Amino acid sequence: MRDPAGGTGLSFQEQEWYRPPVWPERPGQQDKMIHLDIKVNDLDAAVAHALAAGARLAEHQPRSDLRVLLDPAGHPFCLFLT
């Protein structure tokens, strides 16, 4: 993924041996490999957009000003208010 205007990009690769991380992390379980924090202006709208794109809301939500979601492969990421 890359902004057409330039800047930093993200690349993703699939692995057959992949195991999704456990959230919240627990000793002896698969740790996350990456965690993205994404600033948003409207938390409810951003969550709705992420859910429509295939994310799911994580069961554990540690704070009221952010939402932890899991991408389709199970990677956690956070949406938080700017």
C-alpha atoms as a PDB file:
ATOM      1  CA  MET A   1       0.000   0.000   0.000  1.00  0.00           C
ATOM      2  CA  ARG A   2       1.293   3.441  -0.840  1.00  0.00           C
ATOM      3  CA  ASP A   3      -0.271   6.879  -0.899  1.00  0.00           C
ATOM      4  CA  PRO A   4      -0.401   8.055  -4.544  1.00  0.00           C
ATOM      5  CA  ALA A   5       1.081  11.349  -3.345  1.00  0.00           C
ATOM      6  CA  GLY A   6       4.184   9.515  -2.077  1.00  0.00           C
ATOM      7  CA  GLY A   7       5.537   8.812   1.370  1.00  0.00           C
ATOM      8  CA  THR A   8       5.895   5.602   3.323  1.00  0.00           C
ATOM      9  CA  GLY A   9       4.353   2.399   2.032  1.00  0.00           C
ATOM     10  CA  LEU A  10       3.366  -0.909   3.600  1.00  0.00           C
ATOM     11  CA  SER A  11       3.889  -4.362   2.105  1.00  0.00           C
ATOM     12  CA  PHE A  12       2.207  -7.596   3.196  1.00  0.00           C
ATOM     13  CA  GLN A  13       3.173 -11.191   2.501  1.00  0.00           C
ATOM     14  CA  GLU A  14       1.316 -14.435   3.163  1.00  0.00           C
ATOM     15  CA  GLN A  15       2.993 -17.431   4.830  1.00  0.00           C
ATOM     16  CA  GLU A  16       1.456 -20.914   4.995  1.00  0.00           C
ATOM     17  CA  TRP A  17       2.894 -21.504   8.492  1.00  0.00           C
ATOM     18  CA  TYR A  18       1.396 -18.284   9.909  1.00  0.00           C
ATOM     19  CA  ARG A  19      -0.217 -18.443  13.364  1.00  0.00           C
ATOM     20  CA  PRO A  20      -2.338 -15.428  14.400  1.00  0.00           C
ATOM     21  CA  PRO A  21      -1.199 -13.585  17.526  1.00  0.00           C
ATOM     22  CA  VAL A  22      -3.111 -13.687  20.781  1.00  0.00           C
ATOM     23  CA  TRP A  23      -4.612 -10.408  22.022  1.00  0.00           C
ATOM     24  CA  PRO A  24      -4.028  -9.401  24.704  1.00  0.00           C
ATOM     25  CA  GLU A  25      -0.626 -11.026  24.661  1.00  0.00           C
ATOM     26  CA  ARG A  26      -0.035 -13.933  27.048  1.00  0.00           C
ATOM     27  CA  PRO A  27       3.208 -15.729  27.965  1.00  0.00           C
ATOM     28  CA  GLY A  28       3.803 -18.813  25.840  1.00  0.00           C
ATOM     29  CA  GLN A  29       1.353 -17.700  23.118  1.00  0.00           C
ATOM     30  CA  GLN A  30       2.090 -16.228  19.686  1.00  0.00           C
ATOM     31  CA  ASP A  31       3.112 -12.551  20.033  1.00  0.00           C
ATOM     32  CA  LYS A  32       2.124  -9.927  17.500  1.00  0.00           C
ATOM     33  CA  MET A  33       4.623  -9.242  14.736  1.00  0.00           C
ATOM     34  CA  ILE A  34       3.460  -5.706  14.012  1.00  0.00           C
ATOM     35  CA  HIS A  35       1.007  -3.277  15.535  1.00  0.00           C
ATOM     36  CA  LEU A  36      -0.342  -0.223  13.736  1.00  0.00           C
ATOM     37  CA  ASP A  37      -1.815   2.774  15.561  1.00  0.00           C
ATOM     38  CA  ILE A  38      -4.016   4.798  13.236  1.00  0.00           C
ATOM     39  CA  LYS A  39      -5.232   8.298  14.126  1.00  0.00           C
ATOM     40  CA  VAL A  40      -8.834   9.023  13.108  1.00  0.00           C
ATOM     41  CA  ASN A  41     -11.165  12.010  13.427  1.00  0.00           C
ATOM     42  CA  ASP A  42     -14.346   9.962  13.942  1.00  0.00           C
ATOM     43  CA  LEU A  43     -13.819   6.756  15.907  1.00  0.00           C
ATOM     44  CA  ASP A  44     -17.256   5.248  15.236  1.00  0.00           C
ATOM     45  CA  ALA A  45     -17.044   5.900  11.494  1.00  0.00           C
ATOM     46  CA  ALA A  46     -13.491   4.500  11.316  1.00  0.00           C
ATOM     47  CA  VAL A  47     -14.519   1.342  13.186  1.00  0.00           C
ATOM     48  CA  ALA A  48     -17.509   0.876  10.879  1.00  0.00           C
ATOM     49  CA  HIS A  49     -15.241   1.278   7.838  1.00  0.00           C
ATOM     50  CA  ALA A  50     -12.711  -1.245   9.193  1.00  0.00           C
ATOM     51  CA  LEU A  51     -15.454  -3.763  10.003  1.00  0.00           C
ATOM     52  CA  ALA A  52     -16.920  -3.384   6.507  1.00  0.00           C
ATOM     53  CA  ALA A  53     -13.443  -4.048   5.069  1.00  0.00           C
ATOM     54  CA  GLY A  54     -13.124  -7.356   6.957  1.00  0.00           C
ATOM     55  CA  ALA A  55     -11.685  -6.451  10.366  1.00  0.00           C
ATOM     56  CA  ARG A  56     -13.273  -7.639  13.582  1.00  0.00           C
ATOM     57  CA  LEU A  57     -13.484  -5.949  16.952  1.00  0.00           C
ATOM     58  CA  ALA A  58     -11.141  -7.470  19.527  1.00  0.00           C
ATOM     59  CA  GLU A  59     -12.792  -8.792  22.663  1.00  0.00           C
ATOM     60  CA  HIS A  60     -10.297  -6.954  24.923  1.00  0.00           C
ATOM     61  CA  GLN A  61     -10.669  -3.155  24.742  1.00  0.00           C
ATOM     62  CA  PRO A  62      -8.226  -1.513  27.192  1.00  0.00           C
ATOM     63  CA  ARG A  63      -9.288   2.146  26.780  1.00  0.00           C
ATOM     64  CA  SER A  64     -12.387   4.131  25.895  1.00  0.00           C
ATOM     65  CA  ASP A  65     -10.602   6.532  23.495  1.00  0.00           C
ATOM     66  CA  LEU A  66      -9.409   3.808  21.114  1.00  0.00           C
ATOM     67  CA  ARG A  67     -10.616   0.595  19.555  1.00  0.00           C
ATOM     68  CA  VAL A  68      -8.512  -2.509  19.058  1.00  0.00           C
ATOM     69  CA  LEU A  69      -9.430  -4.419  15.918  1.00  0.00           C
ATOM     70  CA  LEU A  70      -8.037  -7.540  14.296  1.00  0.00           C
ATOM     71  CA  ASP A  71      -7.387  -7.720  10.576  1.00  0.00           C
ATOM     72  CA  PRO A  72      -8.614 -10.819   8.687  1.00  0.00           C
ATOM     73  CA  ALA A  73      -5.331 -12.620   9.490  1.00  0.00           C
ATOM     74  CA  GLY A  74      -5.609 -11.776  13.205  1.00  0.00           C
ATOM     75  CA  HIS A  75      -3.084  -8.918  13.494  1.00  0.00           C
ATOM     76  CA  PRO A  76      -4.213  -6.340  16.059  1.00  0.00           C
ATOM     77  CA  PHE A  77      -4.311  -2.652  15.179  1.00  0.00           C
ATOM     78  CA  CYS A  78      -5.681   0.376  17.000  1.00  0.00           C
ATOM     79  CA  LEU A  79      -7.857   3.228  15.835  1.00  0.00           C
ATOM     80  CA  PHE A  80      -7.665   6.242  18.120  1.00  0.00           C
ATOM     81  CA  LEU A  81      -8.954   9.801  18.189  1.00  0.00           C
ATOM     82  CA  THR A  82      -6.631  12.600  17.103  1.00  0.00           C
END
